[in-house]
Amino acid sequence: MGRADMAAAKTAAPRSDRESAAAPAHAVGDRVLAHLAAPAGHTRLPQYVRGRNGTIIALHGAHLLPNDTVRDRPTAEPLHTVSFALADLFAELAGSRGCVHLEIWERFLDRAP
């Protein structure tokens, strides 16, 4: 697939961003805690970050949450990029300075204690 094909595919794809009057609950630099429990069924919160602390590194505005959209309840809410230290996620990587960045919807995040 060439660059022109990729550009065309991007513009043809349905957009998930939405206007929202609600301000996000978190800001860049905030420490957050990923929920330990998640709703039954498929969720957009990976198991390996549940109950772990991370840091908001980017805000992306309000986006449709696919979990609700497939149930015909389209809900837009703030989407954040959260950085998690690998050493905090995986015991075998203790001492690592690496991290993983995930896009996580606000409903799965709380302020870190």
PDB file of N, CA and C in Angstrom:
ATOM      1  N   MET A   1       0.853  -1.171   0.000  1.00  0.00           N
ATOM      2  CA  MET A   1       0.000   0.000   0.000  1.00  0.00           C
ATOM      3  C   MET A   1       0.897   1.231   0.000  1.00  0.00           C
ATOM      4  N   GLY A   2       0.711   2.098  -0.963  1.00  0.00           N
ATOM      5  CA  GLY A   2       1.508   3.312  -1.068  1.00  0.00           C
ATOM      6  C   GLY A   2       0.973   4.422  -0.181  1.00  0.00           C
ATOM      7  N   ARG A   3       1.731   5.524  -0.111  1.00  0.00           N
ATOM      8  CA  ARG A   3       1.330   6.661   0.734  1.00  0.00           C
ATOM      9  C   ARG A   3      -0.022   7.234   0.326  1.00  0.00           C
ATOM     10  N   ALA A   4      -0.268   7.341  -0.971  1.00  0.00           N
ATOM     11  CA  ALA A   4      -1.551   7.880  -1.437  1.00  0.00           C
ATOM     12  C   ALA A   4      -2.700   6.973  -1.008  1.00  0.00           C
ATOM     13  N   ASP A   5      -2.490   5.648  -1.090  1.00  0.00           N
ATOM     14  CA  ASP A   5      -3.521   4.703  -0.666  1.00  0.00           C
ATOM     15  C   ASP A   5      -3.790   4.821   0.834  1.00  0.00           C
ATOM     16  N   MET A   6      -2.728   4.993   1.605  1.00  0.00           N
ATOM     17  CA  MET A   6      -2.881   5.128   3.050  1.00  0.00           C
ATOM     18  C   MET A   6      -3.631   6.409   3.390  1.00  0.00           C
ATOM     19  N   ALA A   7      -3.295   7.502   2.718  1.00  0.00           N
ATOM     20  CA  ALA A   7      -3.981   8.771   2.961  1.00  0.00           C
ATOM     21  C   ALA A   7      -5.463   8.654   2.621  1.00  0.00           C
ATOM     22  N   ALA A   8      -5.784   7.991   1.514  1.00  0.00           N
ATOM     23  CA  ALA A   8      -7.176   7.809   1.112  1.00  0.00           C
ATOM     24  C   ALA A   8      -7.921   6.952   2.135  1.00  0.00           C
ATOM     25  N   ALA A   9      -7.276   5.915   2.635  1.00  0.00           N
ATOM     26  CA  ALA A   9      -7.909   5.044   3.631  1.00  0.00           C
ATOM     27  C   ALA A   9      -8.195   5.815   4.914  1.00  0.00           C
ATOM     28  N   LYS A  10      -7.275   6.691   5.311  1.00  0.00           N
ATOM     29  CA  LYS A  10      -7.473   7.476   6.527  1.00  0.00           C
ATOM     30  C   LYS A  10      -8.683   8.398   6.402  1.00  0.00           C
ATOM     31  N   THR A  11      -8.829   9.044   5.258  1.00  0.00           N
ATOM     32  CA  THR A  11      -9.942   9.982   5.098  1.00  0.00           C
ATOM     33  C   THR A  11     -11.266   9.261   4.881  1.00  0.00           C
ATOM     34  N   ALA A  12     -11.234   8.025   4.407  1.00  0.00           N
ATOM     35  CA  ALA A  12     -12.458   7.263   4.175  1.00  0.00           C
ATOM     36  C   ALA A  12     -12.982   6.617   5.457  1.00  0.00           C
ATOM     37  N   ALA A  13     -12.115   6.411   6.418  1.00  0.00           N
ATOM     38  CA  ALA A  13     -12.521   5.747   7.662  1.00  0.00           C
ATOM     39  C   ALA A  13     -13.445   6.664   8.465  1.00  0.00           C
ATOM     40  N   PRO A  14     -14.466   6.095   9.118  1.00  0.00           N
ATOM     41  CA  PRO A  14     -15.343   6.928   9.948  1.00  0.00           C
ATOM     42  C   PRO A  14     -14.562   7.503  11.129  1.00  0.00           C
ATOM     43  N   ARG A  15     -14.853   8.730  11.466  1.00  0.00           N
ATOM     44  CA  ARG A  15     -14.158   9.400  12.573  1.00  0.00           C
ATOM     45  C   ARG A  15     -14.846   9.055  13.890  1.00  0.00           C
ATOM     46  N   SER A  16     -14.056   8.939  14.942  1.00  0.00           N
ATOM     47  CA  SER A  16     -14.618   8.631  16.257  1.00  0.00           C
ATOM     48  C   SER A  16     -14.555   9.832  17.194  1.00  0.00           C
ATOM     49  N   ASP A  17     -13.901  10.927  16.765  1.00  0.00           N
ATOM     50  CA  ASP A  17     -13.839  12.090  17.645  1.00  0.00           C
ATOM     51  C   ASP A  17     -15.161  12.848  17.582  1.00  0.00           C
ATOM     52  N   ARG A  18     -15.527  13.456  18.704  1.00  0.00           N
ATOM     53  CA  ARG A  18     -16.783  14.179  18.829  1.00  0.00           C
ATOM     54  C   ARG A  18     -16.560  15.462  19.618  1.00  0.00           C
ATOM     55  N   GLU A  19     -17.438  16.420  19.367  1.00  0.00           N
ATOM     56  CA  GLU A  19     -17.443  17.632  20.181  1.00  0.00           C
ATOM     57  C   GLU A  19     -17.966  17.265  21.569  1.00  0.00           C
ATOM     58  N   SER A  20     -17.422  17.918  22.585  1.00  0.00           N
ATOM     59  CA  SER A  20     -17.881  17.653  23.945  1.00  0.00           C
ATOM     60  C   SER A  20     -17.721  18.921  24.769  1.00  0.00           C
ATOM     61  N   ALA A  21     -18.766  19.246  25.513  1.00  0.00           N
ATOM     62  CA  ALA A  21     -18.709  20.411  26.394  1.00  0.00           C
ATOM     63  C   ALA A  21     -18.062  20.050  27.728  1.00  0.00           C
ATOM     64  N   ALA A  22     -17.984  18.767  28.019  1.00  0.00           N
ATOM     65  CA  ALA A  22     -17.413  18.317  29.295  1.00  0.00           C
ATOM     66  C   ALA A  22     -15.893  18.397  29.262  1.00  0.00           C
ATOM     67  N   ALA A  23     -15.339  18.965  30.292  1.00  0.00           N
ATOM     68  CA  ALA A  23     -13.877  19.022  30.411  1.00  0.00           C
ATOM     69  C   ALA A  23     -13.365  17.685  30.928  1.00  0.00           C
ATOM     70  N   PRO A  24     -12.187  17.253  30.450  1.00  0.00           N
ATOM     71  CA  PRO A  24     -11.631  16.002  30.972  1.00  0.00           C
ATOM     72  C   PRO A  24     -11.326  16.124  32.463  1.00  0.00           C
ATOM     73  N   ALA A  25     -11.445  15.023  33.166  1.00  0.00           N
ATOM     74  CA  ALA A  25     -11.177  14.997  34.610  1.00  0.00           C
ATOM     75  C   ALA A  25      -9.688  15.010  34.910  1.00  0.00           C
ATOM     76  N   HIS A  26      -8.866  14.688  33.907  1.00  0.00           N
ATOM     77  CA  HIS A  26      -7.420  14.598  34.116  1.00  0.00           C
ATOM     78  C   HIS A  26      -6.701  15.527  33.139  1.00  0.00           C
ATOM     79  N   ALA A  27      -5.490  15.917  33.511  1.00  0.00           N
ATOM     80  CA  ALA A  27      -4.669  16.792  32.676  1.00  0.00           C
ATOM     81  C   ALA A  27      -3.316  16.136  32.433  1.00  0.00           C
ATOM     82  N   VAL A  28      -2.611  16.619  31.431  1.00  0.00           N
ATOM     83  CA  VAL A  28      -1.253  16.124  31.172  1.00  0.00           C
ATOM     84  C   VAL A  28      -0.419  16.298  32.433  1.00  0.00           C
ATOM     85  N   GLY A  29       0.285  15.251  32.803  1.00  0.00           N
ATOM     86  CA  GLY A  29       1.116  15.260  34.003  1.00  0.00           C
ATOM     87  C   GLY A  29       0.452  14.636  35.215  1.00  0.00           C
ATOM     88  N   ASP A  30      -0.878  14.466  35.180  1.00  0.00           N
ATOM     89  CA  ASP A  30      -1.581  13.857  36.317  1.00  0.00           C
ATOM     90  C   ASP A  30      -1.208  12.384  36.446  1.00  0.00           C
ATOM     91  N   ARG A  31      -1.053  11.946  37.686  1.00  0.00           N
ATOM     92  CA  ARG A  31      -0.877  10.521  37.985  1.00  0.00           C
ATOM     93  C   ARG A  31      -2.267   9.911  38.096  1.00  0.00           C
ATOM     94  N   VAL A  32      -2.463   8.795  37.446  1.00  0.00           N
ATOM     95  CA  VAL A  32      -3.765   8.128  37.451  1.00  0.00           C
ATOM     96  C   VAL A  32      -3.599   6.665  37.825  1.00  0.00           C
ATOM     97  N   LEU A  33      -4.700   6.075  38.231  1.00  0.00           N
ATOM     98  CA  LEU A  33      -4.753   4.665  38.578  1.00  0.00           C
ATOM     99  C   LEU A  33      -5.757   4.003  37.645  1.00  0.00           C
ATOM    100  N   ALA A  34      -5.311   3.005  36.901  1.00  0.00           N
ATOM    101  CA  ALA A  34      -6.217   2.249  36.032  1.00  0.00           C
ATOM    102  C   ALA A  34      -7.102   1.378  36.917  1.00  0.00           C
ATOM    103  N   HIS A  35      -8.383   1.340  36.609  1.00  0.00           N
ATOM    104  CA  HIS A  35      -9.318   0.542  37.410  1.00  0.00           C
ATOM    105  C   HIS A  35      -8.831  -0.903  37.520  1.00  0.00           C
ATOM    106  N   LEU A  36      -9.033  -1.469  38.687  1.00  0.00           N
ATOM    107  CA  LEU A  36      -8.672  -2.866  38.896  1.00  0.00           C
ATOM    108  C   LEU A  36      -9.738  -3.779  38.294  1.00  0.00           C
ATOM    109  N   ALA A  37     -10.980  -3.423  38.496  1.00  0.00           N
ATOM    110  CA  ALA A  37     -12.087  -4.215  37.953  1.00  0.00           C
ATOM    111  C   ALA A  37     -12.566  -3.565  36.662  1.00  0.00           C
ATOM    112  N   ALA A  38     -13.062  -4.372  35.778  1.00  0.00           N
ATOM    113  CA  ALA A  38     -13.617  -3.874  34.517  1.00  0.00           C
ATOM    114  C   ALA A  38     -14.971  -4.532  34.322  1.00  0.00           C
ATOM    115  N   PRO A  39     -15.818  -3.922  33.504  1.00  0.00           N
ATOM    116  CA  PRO A  39     -17.132  -4.543  33.271  1.00  0.00           C
ATOM    117  C   PRO A  39     -16.990  -5.919  32.631  1.00  0.00           C
ATOM    118  N   ALA A  40     -18.020  -6.717  32.780  1.00  0.00           N
ATOM    119  CA  ALA A  40     -18.023  -8.055  32.171  1.00  0.00           C
ATOM    120  C   ALA A  40     -17.930  -7.927  30.659  1.00  0.00           C
ATOM    121  N   GLY A  41     -17.327  -8.914  30.041  1.00  0.00           N
ATOM    122  CA  GLY A  41     -17.186  -8.908  28.590  1.00  0.00           C
ATOM    123  C   GLY A  41     -15.938  -8.176  28.149  1.00  0.00           C
ATOM    124  N   HIS A  42     -15.877  -7.898  26.870  1.00  0.00           N
ATOM    125  CA  HIS A  42     -14.714  -7.228  26.292  1.00  0.00           C
ATOM    126  C   HIS A  42     -14.605  -5.802  26.823  1.00  0.00           C
ATOM    127  N   THR A  43     -13.397  -5.369  27.089  1.00  0.00           N
ATOM    128  CA  THR A  43     -13.155  -4.004  27.537  1.00  0.00           C
ATOM    129  C   THR A  43     -11.912  -3.468  26.838  1.00  0.00           C
ATOM    130  N   ARG A  44     -11.777  -2.167  26.817  1.00  0.00           N
ATOM    131  CA  ARG A  44     -10.614  -1.520  26.190  1.00  0.00           C
ATOM    132  C   ARG A  44      -9.510  -1.262  27.207  1.00  0.00           C
ATOM    133  N   LEU A  45      -9.618  -1.866  28.386  1.00  0.00           N
ATOM    134  CA  LEU A  45      -8.599  -1.701  29.426  1.00  0.00           C
ATOM    135  C   LEU A  45      -7.806  -2.996  29.551  1.00  0.00           C
ATOM    136  N   PRO A  46      -6.549  -3.007  29.081  1.00  0.00           N
ATOM    137  CA  PRO A  46      -5.761  -4.244  29.143  1.00  0.00           C
ATOM    138  C   PRO A  46      -5.577  -4.742  30.579  1.00  0.00           C
ATOM    139  N   GLN A  47      -5.651  -6.036  30.740  1.00  0.00           N
ATOM    140  CA  GLN A  47      -5.517  -6.670  32.057  1.00  0.00           C
ATOM    141  C   GLN A  47      -4.209  -6.275  32.743  1.00  0.00           C
ATOM    142  N   TYR A  48      -3.123  -6.192  31.993  1.00  0.00           N
ATOM    143  CA  TYR A  48      -1.815  -5.981  32.614  1.00  0.00           C
ATOM    144  C   TYR A  48      -1.617  -4.585  33.201  1.00  0.00           C
ATOM    145  N   VAL A  49      -2.527  -3.627  32.946  1.00  0.00           N
ATOM    146  CA  VAL A  49      -2.394  -2.309  33.577  1.00  0.00           C
ATOM    147  C   VAL A  49      -3.431  -2.083  34.673  1.00  0.00           C
ATOM    148  N   ARG A  50      -4.356  -3.019  34.853  1.00  0.00           N
ATOM    149  CA  ARG A  50      -5.394  -2.831  35.865  1.00  0.00           C
ATOM    150  C   ARG A  50      -4.784  -2.774  37.263  1.00  0.00           C
ATOM    151  N   GLY A  51      -5.195  -1.743  38.002  1.00  0.00           N
ATOM    152  CA  GLY A  51      -4.680  -1.543  39.349  1.00  0.00           C
ATOM    153  C   GLY A  51      -3.297  -0.920  39.384  1.00  0.00           C
ATOM    154  N   ARG A  52      -2.812  -0.449  38.247  1.00  0.00           N
ATOM    155  CA  ARG A  52      -1.460   0.134  38.161  1.00  0.00           C
ATOM    156  C   ARG A  52      -1.529   1.649  37.959  1.00  0.00           C
ATOM    157  N   ASN A  53      -0.504   2.328  38.450  1.00  0.00           N
ATOM    158  CA  ASN A  53      -0.390   3.776  38.292  1.00  0.00           C
ATOM    159  C   ASN A  53       0.300   4.123  36.984  1.00  0.00           C
ATOM    160  N   GLY A  54      -0.144   5.208  36.388  1.00  0.00           N
ATOM    161  CA  GLY A  54       0.479   5.732  35.182  1.00  0.00           C
ATOM    162  C   GLY A  54       0.393   7.244  35.191  1.00  0.00           C
ATOM    163  N   THR A  55       0.905   7.855  34.142  1.00  0.00           N
ATOM    164  CA  THR A  55       0.912   9.312  34.024  1.00  0.00           C
ATOM    165  C   THR A  55       0.289   9.716  32.695  1.00  0.00           C
ATOM    166  N   ILE A  56      -0.633  10.677  32.746  1.00  0.00           N
ATOM    167  CA  ILE A  56      -1.239  11.202  31.523  1.00  0.00           C
ATOM    168  C   ILE A  56      -0.171  11.974  30.751  1.00  0.00           C
ATOM    169  N   ILE A  57       0.046  11.603  29.483  1.00  0.00           N
ATOM    170  CA  ILE A  57       1.037  12.326  28.676  1.00  0.00           C
ATOM    171  C   ILE A  57       0.413  13.041  27.482  1.00  0.00           C
ATOM    172  N   ALA A  58      -0.862  12.766  27.185  1.00  0.00           N
ATOM    173  CA  ALA A  58      -1.540  13.467  26.090  1.00  0.00           C
ATOM    174  C   ALA A  58      -3.044  13.351  26.262  1.00  0.00           C
ATOM    175  N   LEU A  59      -3.744  14.381  25.792  1.00  0.00           N
ATOM    176  CA  LEU A  59      -5.204  14.395  25.752  1.00  0.00           C
ATOM    177  C   LEU A  59      -5.620  14.403  24.294  1.00  0.00           C
ATOM    178  N   HIS A  60      -6.669  13.665  23.967  1.00  0.00           N
ATOM    179  CA  HIS A  60      -7.101  13.544  22.572  1.00  0.00           C
ATOM    180  C   HIS A  60      -8.528  14.010  22.331  1.00  0.00           C
ATOM    181  N   GLY A  61      -9.138  14.699  23.283  1.00  0.00           N
ATOM    182  CA  GLY A  61     -10.521  15.122  23.129  1.00  0.00           C
ATOM    183  C   GLY A  61     -11.468  13.965  23.377  1.00  0.00           C
ATOM    184  N   ALA A  62     -12.735  14.190  23.049  1.00  0.00           N
ATOM    185  CA  ALA A  62     -13.752  13.155  23.258  1.00  0.00           C
ATOM    186  C   ALA A  62     -13.820  12.249  22.035  1.00  0.00           C
ATOM    187  N   HIS A  63     -13.886  10.954  22.284  1.00  0.00           N
ATOM    188  CA  HIS A  63     -13.982   9.941  21.227  1.00  0.00           C
ATOM    189  C   HIS A  63     -15.041   8.922  21.607  1.00  0.00           C
ATOM    190  N   LEU A  64     -15.675   8.366  20.587  1.00  0.00           N
ATOM    191  CA  LEU A  64     -16.661   7.316  20.835  1.00  0.00           C
ATOM    192  C   LEU A  64     -15.979   6.101  21.450  1.00  0.00           C
ATOM    193  N   LEU A  65     -16.603   5.546  22.455  1.00  0.00           N
ATOM    194  CA  LEU A  65     -16.092   4.325  23.081  1.00  0.00           C
ATOM    195  C   LEU A  65     -16.676   3.137  22.322  1.00  0.00           C
ATOM    196  N   PRO A  66     -15.835   2.339  21.650  1.00  0.00           N
ATOM    197  CA  PRO A  66     -16.345   1.224  20.838  1.00  0.00           C
ATOM    198  C   PRO A  66     -17.242   0.260  21.604  1.00  0.00           C
ATOM    199  N   ASN A  67     -16.955   0.035  22.892  1.00  0.00           N
ATOM    200  CA  ASN A  67     -17.773  -0.883  23.692  1.00  0.00           C
ATOM    201  C   ASN A  67     -19.239  -0.458  23.682  1.00  0.00           C
ATOM    202  N   ASP A  68     -19.506   0.850  23.782  1.00  0.00           N
ATOM    203  CA  ASP A  68     -20.873   1.354  23.799  1.00  0.00           C
ATOM    204  C   ASP A  68     -21.455   1.446  22.393  1.00  0.00           C
ATOM    205  N   THR A  69     -20.631   1.793  21.427  1.00  0.00           N
ATOM    206  CA  THR A  69     -21.103   1.969  20.053  1.00  0.00           C
ATOM    207  C   THR A  69     -21.679   0.675  19.501  1.00  0.00           C
ATOM    208  N   VAL A  70     -21.048  -0.454  19.761  1.00  0.00           N
ATOM    209  CA  VAL A  70     -21.552  -1.736  19.245  1.00  0.00           C
ATOM    210  C   VAL A  70     -22.840  -2.156  19.938  1.00  0.00           C
ATOM    211  N   ARG A  71     -23.148  -1.557  21.069  1.00  0.00           N
ATOM    212  CA  ARG A  71     -24.398  -1.845  21.789  1.00  0.00           C
ATOM    213  C   ARG A  71     -25.463  -0.784  21.473  1.00  0.00           C
ATOM    214  N   ASP A  72     -25.228  -0.006  20.410  1.00  0.00           N
ATOM    215  CA  ASP A  72     -26.136   1.064  19.992  1.00  0.00           C
ATOM    216  C   ASP A  72     -26.356   2.104  21.077  1.00  0.00           C
ATOM    217  N   ARG A  73     -25.331   2.355  21.891  1.00  0.00           N
ATOM    218  CA  ARG A  73     -25.348   3.417  22.887  1.00  0.00           C
ATOM    219  C   ARG A  73     -24.105   4.280  22.686  1.00  0.00           C
ATOM    220  N   PRO A  74     -23.955   4.924  21.527  1.00  0.00           N
ATOM    221  CA  PRO A  74     -22.725   5.671  21.275  1.00  0.00           C
ATOM    222  C   PRO A  74     -22.467   6.716  22.359  1.00  0.00           C
ATOM    223  N   THR A  75     -21.326   6.600  22.999  1.00  0.00           N
ATOM    224  CA  THR A  75     -20.935   7.491  24.081  1.00  0.00           C
ATOM    225  C   THR A  75     -19.553   8.040  23.772  1.00  0.00           C
ATOM    226  N   ALA A  76     -19.430   9.367  23.789  1.00  0.00           N
ATOM    227  CA  ALA A  76     -18.120   9.992  23.590  1.00  0.00           C
ATOM    228  C   ALA A  76     -17.613  10.466  24.942  1.00  0.00           C
ATOM    229  N   GLU A  77     -16.365  10.170  25.214  1.00  0.00           N
ATOM    230  CA  GLU A  77     -15.755  10.653  26.452  1.00  0.00           C
ATOM    231  C   GLU A  77     -14.270  10.862  26.215  1.00  0.00           C
ATOM    232  N   PRO A  78     -13.627  11.610  27.123  1.00  0.00           N
ATOM    233  CA  PRO A  78     -12.208  11.921  26.923  1.00  0.00           C
ATOM    234  C   PRO A  78     -11.342  10.666  26.790  1.00  0.00           C
ATOM    235  N   LEU A  79     -10.415  10.770  25.856  1.00  0.00           N
ATOM    236  CA  LEU A  79      -9.446   9.706  25.595  1.00  0.00           C
ATOM    237  C   LEU A  79      -8.063  10.259  25.911  1.00  0.00           C
ATOM    238  N   HIS A  80      -7.286   9.529  26.691  1.00  0.00           N
ATOM    239  CA  HIS A  80      -5.970   9.985  27.145  1.00  0.00           C
ATOM    240  C   HIS A  80      -4.886   8.987  26.739  1.00  0.00           C
ATOM    241  N   THR A  81      -3.684   9.478  26.507  1.00  0.00           N
ATOM    242  CA  THR A  81      -2.525   8.588  26.418  1.00  0.00           C
ATOM    243  C   THR A  81      -1.921   8.530  27.806  1.00  0.00           C
ATOM    244  N   VAL A  82      -1.767   7.316  28.314  1.00  0.00           N
ATOM    245  CA  VAL A  82      -1.214   7.100  29.654  1.00  0.00           C
ATOM    246  C   VAL A  82       0.090   6.324  29.511  1.00  0.00           C
ATOM    247  N   SER A  83       1.115   6.783  30.199  1.00  0.00           N
ATOM    248  CA  SER A  83       2.417   6.126  30.203  1.00  0.00           C
ATOM    249  C   SER A  83       2.553   5.298  31.478  1.00  0.00           C
ATOM    250  N   PHE A  84       2.904   4.024  31.299  1.00  0.00           N
ATOM    251  CA  PHE A  84       3.140   3.118  32.424  1.00  0.00           C
ATOM    252  C   PHE A  84       4.584   2.642  32.364  1.00  0.00           C
ATOM    253  N   ALA A  85       5.289   2.680  33.487  1.00  0.00           N
ATOM    254  CA  ALA A  85       6.662   2.179  33.553  1.00  0.00           C
ATOM    255  C   ALA A  85       6.640   0.657  33.463  1.00  0.00           C
ATOM    256  N   LEU A  86       7.466   0.098  32.578  1.00  0.00           N
ATOM    257  CA  LEU A  86       7.530  -1.360  32.432  1.00  0.00           C
ATOM    258  C   LEU A  86       7.868  -2.039  33.755  1.00  0.00           C
ATOM    259  N   ALA A  87       8.748  -1.419  34.534  1.00  0.00           N
ATOM    260  CA  ALA A  87       9.152  -1.989  35.818  1.00  0.00           C
ATOM    261  C   ALA A  87       7.974  -2.104  36.780  1.00  0.00           C
ATOM    262  N   ASP A  88       6.963  -1.224  36.624  1.00  0.00           N
ATOM    263  CA  ASP A  88       5.776  -1.282  37.477  1.00  0.00           C
ATOM    264  C   ASP A  88       4.768  -2.318  36.987  1.00  0.00           C
ATOM    265  N   LEU A  89       4.889  -2.721  35.735  1.00  0.00           N
ATOM    266  CA  LEU A  89       3.925  -3.655  35.161  1.00  0.00           C
ATOM    267  C   LEU A  89       4.375  -5.103  35.212  1.00  0.00           C
ATOM    268  N   PHE A  90       5.677  -5.320  35.054  1.00  0.00           N
ATOM    269  CA  PHE A  90       6.197  -6.687  34.915  1.00  0.00           C
ATOM    270  C   PHE A  90       7.389  -6.893  35.836  1.00  0.00           C
ATOM    271  N   ALA A  91       7.271  -7.815  36.778  1.00  0.00           N
ATOM    272  CA  ALA A  91       8.335  -8.059  37.763  1.00  0.00           C
ATOM    273  C   ALA A  91       9.665  -8.397  37.095  1.00  0.00           C
ATOM    274  N   GLU A  92       9.609  -9.131  35.979  1.00  0.00           N
ATOM    275  CA  GLU A  92      10.858  -9.533  35.314  1.00  0.00           C
ATOM    276  C   GLU A  92      11.584  -8.356  34.665  1.00  0.00           C
ATOM    277  N   LEU A  93      10.932  -7.190  34.613  1.00  0.00           N
ATOM    278  CA  LEU A  93      11.568  -6.007  34.035  1.00  0.00           C
ATOM    279  C   LEU A  93      11.951  -4.978  35.094  1.00  0.00           C
ATOM    280  N   ALA A  94      12.066  -5.436  36.354  1.00  0.00           N
ATOM    281  CA  ALA A  94      12.497  -4.543  37.424  1.00  0.00           C
ATOM    282  C   ALA A  94      13.831  -3.918  37.028  1.00  0.00           C
ATOM    283  N   GLY A  95      13.956  -2.641  37.218  1.00  0.00           N
ATOM    284  CA  GLY A  95      15.179  -1.936  36.843  1.00  0.00           C
ATOM    285  C   GLY A  95      15.123  -1.363  35.435  1.00  0.00           C
ATOM    286  N   SER A  96      14.124  -1.770  34.652  1.00  0.00           N
ATOM    287  CA  SER A  96      13.984  -1.237  33.296  1.00  0.00           C
ATOM    288  C   SER A  96      13.568   0.226  33.348  1.00  0.00           C
ATOM    289  N   ARG A  97      14.059   0.992  32.400  1.00  0.00           N
ATOM    290  CA  ARG A  97      13.651   2.394  32.304  1.00  0.00           C
ATOM    291  C   ARG A  97      12.638   2.592  31.184  1.00  0.00           C
ATOM    292  N   GLY A  98      12.203   1.499  30.588  1.00  0.00           N
ATOM    293  CA  GLY A  98      11.243   1.567  29.492  1.00  0.00           C
ATOM    294  C   GLY A  98       9.835   1.827  29.987  1.00  0.00           C
ATOM    295  N   CYS A  99       8.957   2.142  29.038  1.00  0.00           N
ATOM    296  CA  CYS A  99       7.562   2.366  29.381  1.00  0.00           C
ATOM    297  C   CYS A  99       6.685   1.949  28.209  1.00  0.00           C
ATOM    298  N   VAL A 100       5.400   1.831  28.487  1.00  0.00           N
ATOM    299  CA  VAL A 100       4.413   1.534  27.459  1.00  0.00           C
ATOM    300  C   VAL A 100       3.383   2.653  27.511  1.00  0.00           C
ATOM    301  N   HIS A 101       2.935   3.093  26.340  1.00  0.00           N
ATOM    302  CA  HIS A 101       1.918   4.147  26.244  1.00  0.00           C
ATOM    303  C   HIS A 101       0.646   3.527  25.697  1.00  0.00           C
ATOM    304  N   LEU A 102      -0.461   3.798  26.375  1.00  0.00           N
ATOM    305  CA  LEU A 102      -1.760   3.264  25.966  1.00  0.00           C
ATOM    306  C   LEU A 102      -2.786   4.382  25.894  1.00  0.00           C
ATOM    307  N   GLU A 103      -3.690   4.300  24.923  1.00  0.00           N
ATOM    308  CA  GLU A 103      -4.818   5.213  24.874  1.00  0.00           C
ATOM    309  C   GLU A 103      -5.931   4.584  25.702  1.00  0.00           C
ATOM    310  N   ILE A 104      -6.368   5.327  26.721  1.00  0.00           N
ATOM    311  CA  ILE A 104      -7.358   4.803  27.664  1.00  0.00           C
ATOM    312  C   ILE A 104      -8.464   5.837  27.852  1.00  0.00           C
ATOM    313  N   TRP A 105      -9.715   5.359  27.772  1.00  0.00           N
ATOM    314  CA  TRP A 105     -10.853   6.240  27.995  1.00  0.00           C
ATOM    315  C   TRP A 105     -10.957   6.577  29.470  1.00  0.00           C
ATOM    316  N   GLU A 106     -11.478   7.769  29.727  1.00  0.00           N
ATOM    317  CA  GLU A 106     -11.528   8.305  31.079  1.00  0.00           C
ATOM    318  C   GLU A 106     -12.284   7.413  32.066  1.00  0.00           C
ATOM    319  N   ARG A 107     -13.308   6.707  31.618  1.00  0.00           N
ATOM    320  CA  ARG A 107     -14.093   5.879  32.540  1.00  0.00           C
ATOM    321  C   ARG A 107     -13.256   4.798  33.225  1.00  0.00           C
ATOM    322  N   PHE A 108     -12.080   4.491  32.677  1.00  0.00           N
ATOM    323  CA  PHE A 108     -11.237   3.444  33.253  1.00  0.00           C
ATOM    324  C   PHE A 108     -10.130   3.993  34.155  1.00  0.00           C
ATOM    325  N   LEU A 109     -10.160   5.303  34.440  1.00  0.00           N
ATOM    326  CA  LEU A 109      -9.078   5.929  35.196  1.00  0.00           C
ATOM    327  C   LEU A 109      -9.601   6.690  36.420  1.00  0.00           C
ATOM    328  N   ASP A 110      -8.827   6.641  37.494  1.00  0.00           N
ATOM    329  CA  ASP A 110      -9.062   7.455  38.689  1.00  0.00           C
ATOM    330  C   ASP A 110      -7.776   8.193  39.014  1.00  0.00           C
ATOM    331  N   ARG A 111      -7.871   9.214  39.844  1.00  0.00           N
ATOM    332  CA  ARG A 111      -6.649   9.882  40.321  1.00  0.00           C
ATOM    333  C   ARG A 111      -5.862   8.895  41.167  1.00  0.00           C
ATOM    334  N   ALA A 112      -4.556   8.901  40.983  1.00  0.00           N
ATOM    335  CA  ALA A 112      -3.711   8.002  41.781  1.00  0.00           C
ATOM    336  C   ALA A 112      -3.673   8.494  43.219  1.00  0.00           C
ATOM    337  N   PRO A 113      -3.642   7.572  44.162  1.00  0.00           N
ATOM    338  CA  PRO A 113      -3.582   7.968  45.585  1.00  0.00           C
ATOM    339  C   PRO A 113      -2.255   8.612  45.924  1.00  0.00           C
TER     340      PRO A 113
END
